[in-house]
Amino acid sequence: MIRRLSPLVVVLALLAVPASASAVKIRVGIGDQSSAMFANPDYKALKLKLSRYFVEWNAISDPAELEKADAFVLAAKQSGVKVLMHISTADIKGATPKLPSVAAYRRSVGKLIKRYKPLGVTDWGVWNEANHKTQPTSKSPKRAAQFFGEMRRLCTGCTIVALDVLDQRGVESYIARFFKAAGRANAARARIVGVHNYSEVNRKLKKGTNNYPGTRRIIAAVHKANKRAKFWYTETGGLTAQGTTFPCSDSRAADRTQYMFTLAKRYDRYFDRLYSYNWTPSPDCDASLFDGGLINPNGSTRPAYDVFKKNIKSFQR
């Protein structure tokens, strides 16, 4: 009798396991700068609950930037989507972007937090892609660490991306200097690190190199300073175009989007979220400095959208 019942017991036990148990635990969202995304039927079909928006650090004194941020946050809220608000430079095209003082960051960012936290924005990034040359923090990991200390004081009860880095040469050194400058107490509280692994995804790197360290080496560098830190892909994606490096190609973008998910599954144990960037395309892909959009300028979906939609079935929303 025991031998006859045992297989039945096993089957019943397997049926009792939730269907999501085999799914990747990472939650997926899409980052964008246009509030129109939320009204798009193809976006709605994805049933996402997370999005990301980067805002100029001094937007509180720039009515045009503030209007765009307001529109994005309100549209997301109406759609039941939670926004990660990421602080960024006020001049991404500037050759020498201005590095705010700690006091200026406290004043301006503090006002942004007071404006958007009551609207449900409790996920904040201290500084977008801090190690990239377009950001004023690229030459000052110490200032980036100071900004993290300020963000912690300004946004109590918030979930904070303490450091956000691109997988470029020198990222490991930048990470080490950031954590050293943060000091023991703040370093221990840097519980989330954002990763932009564009090089690894779009070059389909199998292992990190000196020029393109990749996700694995970023994880190792962070864990040297804080073994408990977790990670978010705060910005990643298969690029349709990027200047002359990646000429406009729908097929390549779809292939790299698939690789983005392959890498996410590989490092599932370390990451909690993935924000693909982005939804809105450039007006002219052939002349674009950057185009990661999942749709075309005429509103039709690109092949990368189909890859995205298929893969998120095994991820969390």
Protein backbone atom coordinates (compact mmCIF):
# COMPACT_ATOMS: atom_id res chain seq x y z
CA MET A 1 0.00 0.00 0.00
CA ILE A 2 2.84 2.41 0.90
CA ARG A 3 4.62 1.67 -2.37
CA ARG A 4 1.38 2.26 -4.34
CA LEU A 5 0.59 5.56 -2.57
CA SER A 6 4.07 7.07 -2.69
CA PRO A 7 3.94 8.13 -6.37
CA LEU A 8 0.54 9.74 -5.75
CA VAL A 9 1.92 11.65 -2.79
CA VAL A 10 4.82 12.89 -4.92
CA VAL A 11 2.49 14.05 -7.69
CA LEU A 12 0.23 15.88 -5.24
CA ALA A 13 3.25 17.57 -3.67
CA LEU A 14 4.43 18.79 -7.05
CA LEU A 15 0.97 20.11 -7.92
CA ALA A 16 0.95 22.04 -4.64
CA VAL A 17 4.03 24.04 -5.68
CA PRO A 18 3.00 27.47 -7.04
CA ALA A 19 3.52 27.96 -10.76
CA SER A 20 5.75 30.96 -10.06
CA ALA A 21 8.23 28.86 -8.06
CA SER A 22 10.25 28.07 -11.18
CA ALA A 23 10.16 31.67 -12.44
CA VAL A 24 13.09 34.06 -12.21
CA LYS A 25 12.70 36.16 -9.07
CA ILE A 26 13.79 39.41 -10.75
CA ARG A 27 11.04 42.02 -11.23
CA VAL A 28 11.02 43.67 -14.65
CA GLY A 29 10.11 47.22 -15.63
CA ILE A 30 10.83 49.71 -18.40
CA GLY A 31 12.55 53.06 -17.94
CA ASP A 32 11.60 55.98 -20.15
CA GLN A 33 11.38 59.76 -20.26
CA SER A 34 7.94 60.06 -21.86
CA SER A 35 4.66 59.82 -19.96
CA ALA A 36 2.96 58.79 -23.23
CA MET A 37 4.33 55.28 -22.71
CA PHE A 38 1.70 54.47 -20.10
CA ALA A 39 -1.20 55.06 -22.51
CA ASN A 40 0.22 52.86 -25.26
CA PRO A 41 -1.85 49.63 -25.71
CA ASP A 42 1.28 47.55 -26.39
CA TYR A 43 2.84 48.81 -23.17
CA LYS A 44 -0.34 48.06 -21.24
CA ALA A 45 -0.32 44.51 -22.63
CA LEU A 46 2.95 43.85 -20.76
CA LYS A 47 1.22 44.47 -17.40
CA LEU A 48 4.36 45.92 -15.83
CA LYS A 49 4.35 47.49 -12.37
CA LEU A 50 7.75 49.18 -12.37
CA SER A 51 9.29 52.06 -14.29
CA ARG A 52 12.29 54.39 -14.00
CA TYR A 53 12.71 58.07 -14.73
CA PHE A 54 15.91 60.09 -14.45
CA VAL A 55 15.49 63.69 -13.40
CA GLU A 56 17.92 66.59 -13.45
CA TRP A 57 19.27 67.22 -9.97
CA ASN A 58 18.15 70.88 -10.07
CA ALA A 59 14.83 70.29 -11.85
CA ILE A 60 13.00 71.93 -8.98
CA SER A 61 14.15 75.29 -10.36
CA ASP A 62 13.47 74.40 -14.02
CA PRO A 63 9.72 74.61 -14.81
CA ALA A 64 10.02 72.71 -18.10
CA GLU A 65 11.86 69.78 -16.53
CA LEU A 66 9.53 69.79 -13.56
CA GLU A 67 6.50 69.67 -15.83
CA LYS A 68 7.84 66.58 -17.62
CA ALA A 69 8.65 64.84 -14.35
CA ASP A 70 5.20 65.67 -12.96
CA ALA A 71 3.53 64.23 -16.04
CA PHE A 72 5.54 61.01 -15.85
CA VAL A 73 4.93 60.43 -12.14
CA LEU A 74 1.19 61.16 -12.38
CA ALA A 75 0.72 58.96 -15.47
CA ALA A 76 2.59 56.13 -13.77
CA LYS A 77 0.50 56.50 -10.61
CA GLN A 78 -2.74 56.40 -12.60
CA SER A 79 -1.50 53.23 -14.32
CA GLY A 80 -0.55 51.53 -11.05
CA VAL A 81 3.16 51.66 -11.89
CA LYS A 82 5.80 52.46 -9.26
CA VAL A 83 8.54 54.88 -10.31
CA LEU A 84 12.23 54.69 -9.49
CA MET A 85 13.31 58.36 -9.62
CA HIS A 86 17.00 58.64 -10.45
CA ILE A 87 18.94 61.88 -9.96
CA SER A 88 21.10 62.86 -12.94
CA THR A 89 23.14 65.66 -14.48
CA ALA A 90 21.48 68.88 -15.63
CA ASP A 91 23.53 68.89 -18.84
CA ILE A 92 24.18 65.42 -20.25
CA LYS A 93 25.74 66.89 -23.41
CA GLY A 94 28.07 69.23 -21.57
CA ALA A 95 31.81 68.65 -21.93
CA THR A 96 32.37 69.52 -18.28
CA PRO A 97 29.08 69.02 -16.41
CA LYS A 98 28.85 70.97 -13.18
CA LEU A 99 29.29 68.98 -9.99
CA PRO A 100 26.82 70.23 -7.36
CA SER A 101 28.00 70.99 -3.89
CA VAL A 102 26.64 68.83 -1.09
CA ALA A 103 24.57 71.78 0.11
CA ALA A 104 23.11 72.38 -3.37
CA TYR A 105 22.25 68.68 -3.69
CA ARG A 106 20.58 68.78 -0.28
CA ARG A 107 18.45 71.79 -1.18
CA SER A 108 17.38 70.79 -4.69
CA VAL A 109 17.02 67.03 -4.28
CA GLY A 110 15.36 67.52 -0.92
CA LYS A 111 12.64 69.59 -2.61
CA LEU A 112 12.19 66.94 -5.32
CA ILE A 113 11.71 64.29 -2.65
CA LYS A 114 9.14 66.46 -0.85
CA ARG A 115 7.29 66.91 -4.14
CA TYR A 116 7.18 63.31 -5.31
CA LYS A 117 7.30 61.17 -2.18
CA PRO A 118 3.66 62.03 -1.30
CA LEU A 119 2.77 60.80 -4.81
CA GLY A 120 4.20 57.37 -4.02
CA VAL A 121 7.77 57.82 -5.25
CA THR A 122 9.72 56.05 -2.53
CA ASP A 123 12.34 54.39 -4.77
CA TRP A 124 15.22 56.80 -5.41
CA GLY A 125 18.62 56.62 -7.06
CA VAL A 126 21.35 58.86 -5.62
CA TRP A 127 22.98 59.55 -9.00
CA ASN A 128 22.47 58.02 -12.42
CA GLU A 129 25.48 56.25 -14.02
CA ALA A 130 27.86 57.97 -11.62
CA ASN A 131 31.09 56.79 -13.28
CA HIS A 132 30.31 57.88 -16.85
CA LYS A 133 32.01 60.97 -18.32
CA THR A 134 28.68 62.69 -19.01
CA GLN A 135 28.04 62.81 -15.26
CA PRO A 136 29.87 65.28 -12.99
CA THR A 137 30.38 62.54 -10.40
CA SER A 138 32.60 60.58 -12.82
CA LYS A 139 35.72 62.22 -11.39
CA SER A 140 34.54 62.31 -7.81
CA PRO A 141 33.36 59.05 -6.26
CA LYS A 142 33.83 60.85 -2.94
CA ARG A 143 31.11 63.35 -3.83
CA ALA A 144 28.85 60.52 -5.02
CA ALA A 145 29.32 58.91 -1.61
CA GLN A 146 28.50 62.19 0.12
CA PHE A 147 25.32 62.45 -1.96
CA PHE A 148 24.34 58.98 -0.74
CA GLY A 149 24.68 60.17 2.84
CA GLU A 150 22.44 63.13 2.06
CA MET A 151 19.84 60.99 0.30
CA ARG A 152 19.61 58.71 3.32
CA ARG A 153 18.84 61.70 5.54
CA LEU A 154 16.47 63.32 3.07
CA CYS A 155 14.39 60.26 2.23
CA THR A 156 13.68 58.28 5.38
CA GLY A 157 11.77 55.09 4.72
CA CYS A 158 12.79 55.11 1.04
CA THR A 159 14.46 52.36 -0.97
CA ILE A 160 17.71 53.89 -2.23
CA VAL A 161 20.06 52.88 -5.04
CA ALA A 162 23.25 53.99 -3.32
CA LEU A 163 25.59 53.73 -6.30
CA ASP A 164 24.83 53.37 -9.99
CA VAL A 165 27.58 52.39 -12.46
CA LEU A 166 28.19 51.58 -16.12
CA ASP A 167 30.24 48.51 -17.06
CA GLN A 168 33.14 50.49 -18.47
CA ARG A 169 36.86 50.35 -17.87
CA GLY A 170 37.82 51.53 -14.38
CA VAL A 171 34.47 50.72 -12.79
CA GLU A 172 36.03 48.46 -10.15
CA SER A 173 38.34 51.24 -8.99
CA TYR A 174 35.42 53.67 -8.90
CA ILE A 175 33.41 51.27 -6.75
CA ALA A 176 36.30 50.81 -4.31
CA ARG A 177 36.83 54.57 -3.96
CA PHE A 178 33.11 55.17 -3.47
CA PHE A 179 32.86 52.71 -0.60
CA LYS A 180 36.07 53.97 1.01
CA ALA A 181 34.75 57.55 0.90
CA ALA A 182 31.37 56.47 2.25
CA GLY A 183 32.90 55.29 5.50
CA ARG A 184 32.07 52.12 7.36
CA ALA A 185 28.56 53.08 8.49
CA ASN A 186 27.27 54.32 5.14
CA ALA A 187 29.07 51.57 3.23
CA ALA A 188 27.17 49.01 5.27
CA ARG A 189 23.91 50.79 4.45
CA ALA A 190 24.57 50.83 0.70
CA ARG A 191 22.25 47.87 0.25
CA ILE A 192 21.41 48.37 -3.44
CA VAL A 193 23.83 49.03 -6.29
CA GLY A 194 22.57 49.83 -9.78
CA VAL A 195 24.24 48.28 -12.82
CA HIS A 196 24.16 49.41 -16.45
CA ASN A 197 25.61 46.48 -18.39
CA TYR A 198 25.18 47.88 -21.90
CA SER A 199 28.64 46.80 -23.05
CA GLU A 200 28.19 43.23 -21.91
CA VAL A 201 24.70 42.97 -23.41
CA ASN A 202 25.31 44.67 -26.73
CA ARG A 203 28.74 43.21 -27.40
CA LYS A 204 27.57 39.79 -26.17
CA LEU A 205 30.66 39.43 -24.01
CA LYS A 206 31.06 35.96 -22.58
CA LYS A 207 33.46 37.14 -19.87
CA GLY A 208 34.52 40.54 -18.66
CA THR A 209 37.60 42.14 -20.22
CA ASN A 210 39.75 45.05 -19.10
CA ASN A 211 37.77 47.40 -21.33
CA TYR A 212 34.36 45.92 -20.49
CA PRO A 213 34.35 44.38 -17.01
CA GLY A 214 30.78 43.11 -17.13
CA THR A 215 28.30 42.14 -14.44
CA ARG A 216 30.34 39.43 -12.72
CA ARG A 217 33.26 41.71 -11.95
CA ILE A 218 31.01 44.53 -10.77
CA ILE A 219 29.35 42.15 -8.31
CA ALA A 220 32.76 41.02 -7.04
CA ALA A 221 33.99 44.60 -6.62
CA VAL A 222 30.92 45.63 -4.63
CA HIS A 223 31.02 42.55 -2.43
CA LYS A 224 34.59 43.32 -1.44
CA ALA A 225 33.19 46.34 0.37
CA ASN A 226 29.71 45.13 1.28
CA LYS A 227 28.96 41.42 1.11
CA ARG A 228 25.25 41.99 1.76
CA ALA A 229 24.65 44.38 -1.12
CA LYS A 230 22.05 43.41 -3.71
CA PHE A 231 21.77 44.69 -7.26
CA TRP A 232 19.30 46.19 -9.68
CA TYR A 233 19.80 46.47 -13.43
CA THR A 234 18.71 50.11 -13.29
CA GLU A 235 19.39 50.53 -17.01
CA THR A 236 20.05 47.91 -19.64
CA GLY A 237 18.74 46.81 -23.02
CA GLY A 238 19.43 45.72 -26.56
CA LEU A 239 20.23 48.84 -28.57
CA THR A 240 18.65 49.41 -31.96
CA ALA A 241 21.28 52.09 -32.62
CA GLN A 242 24.12 53.95 -30.96
CA GLY A 243 26.02 56.30 -33.22
CA THR A 244 28.54 54.55 -35.45
CA THR A 245 29.25 51.83 -32.88
CA PHE A 246 25.91 50.09 -33.43
CA PRO A 247 24.26 51.12 -36.72
CA CYS A 248 20.47 50.88 -36.83
CA SER A 249 19.44 47.20 -36.76
CA ASP A 250 16.18 45.67 -35.55
CA SER A 251 17.52 42.12 -35.74
CA ARG A 252 20.60 42.89 -33.65
CA ALA A 253 18.48 44.71 -31.05
CA ALA A 254 16.19 41.70 -30.74
CA ASP A 255 19.13 39.33 -30.40
CA ARG A 256 20.74 41.53 -27.72
CA THR A 257 17.44 41.87 -25.88
CA GLN A 258 17.34 38.09 -25.65
CA TYR A 259 20.92 38.13 -24.34
CA MET A 260 19.90 40.71 -21.72
CA PHE A 261 17.43 38.20 -20.31
CA THR A 262 19.97 35.37 -20.58
CA LEU A 263 22.40 37.34 -18.43
CA ALA A 264 19.64 38.26 -15.99
CA LYS A 265 18.87 34.59 -15.45
CA ARG A 266 22.57 33.83 -15.00
CA TYR A 267 22.87 36.33 -12.15
CA ASP A 268 19.39 35.85 -10.75
CA ARG A 269 20.66 35.19 -7.22
CA TYR A 270 22.23 38.66 -7.01
CA PHE A 271 19.59 40.86 -8.67
CA ASP A 272 16.12 41.90 -7.59
CA ARG A 273 15.05 44.17 -10.46
CA LEU A 274 15.65 44.89 -14.14
CA TYR A 275 14.69 48.15 -15.85
CA SER A 276 15.04 47.90 -19.62
CA TYR A 277 15.75 51.20 -21.34
CA ASN A 278 13.72 52.28 -23.11
CA TRP A 279 10.27 52.40 -24.72
CA THR A 280 10.28 55.56 -26.84
CA PRO A 281 12.43 55.43 -30.03
CA SER A 282 14.49 58.23 -31.53
CA PRO A 283 12.82 60.05 -34.46
CA ASP A 284 15.48 58.82 -36.90
CA CYS A 285 17.17 55.54 -36.06
CA ASP A 286 19.83 55.91 -38.78
CA ALA A 287 20.98 59.22 -37.33
CA SER A 288 20.54 58.37 -33.68
CA LEU A 289 23.18 58.74 -31.00
CA PHE A 290 21.07 56.39 -28.86
CA ASP A 291 17.97 54.34 -29.60
CA GLY A 292 16.86 51.54 -27.32
CA GLY A 293 13.15 51.88 -28.03
CA LEU A 294 10.87 48.87 -28.19
CA ILE A 295 8.58 50.60 -30.66
CA ASN A 296 9.04 52.44 -33.96
CA PRO A 297 8.39 56.17 -34.46
CA ASN A 298 5.07 55.26 -36.15
CA GLY A 299 3.98 53.38 -33.03
CA SER A 300 4.37 49.83 -34.35
CA THR A 301 6.36 47.39 -32.26
CA ARG A 302 9.88 46.28 -33.09
CA PRO A 303 11.11 42.65 -33.03
CA ALA A 304 12.78 43.42 -29.68
CA TYR A 305 9.32 44.04 -28.22
CA ASP A 306 8.25 40.49 -29.09
CA VAL A 307 11.40 39.11 -27.46
CA PHE A 308 10.77 41.25 -24.39
CA LYS A 309 7.13 40.20 -24.10
CA LYS A 310 8.00 36.51 -24.44
CA ASN A 311 10.77 36.57 -21.83
CA ILE A 312 8.96 38.44 -19.09
CA LYS A 313 6.56 35.52 -18.76
CA SER A 314 9.22 33.79 -16.65
CA PHE A 315 10.09 36.91 -14.65
CA GLN A 316 8.22 38.81 -11.96
CA ARG A 317 6.25 42.05 -12.51
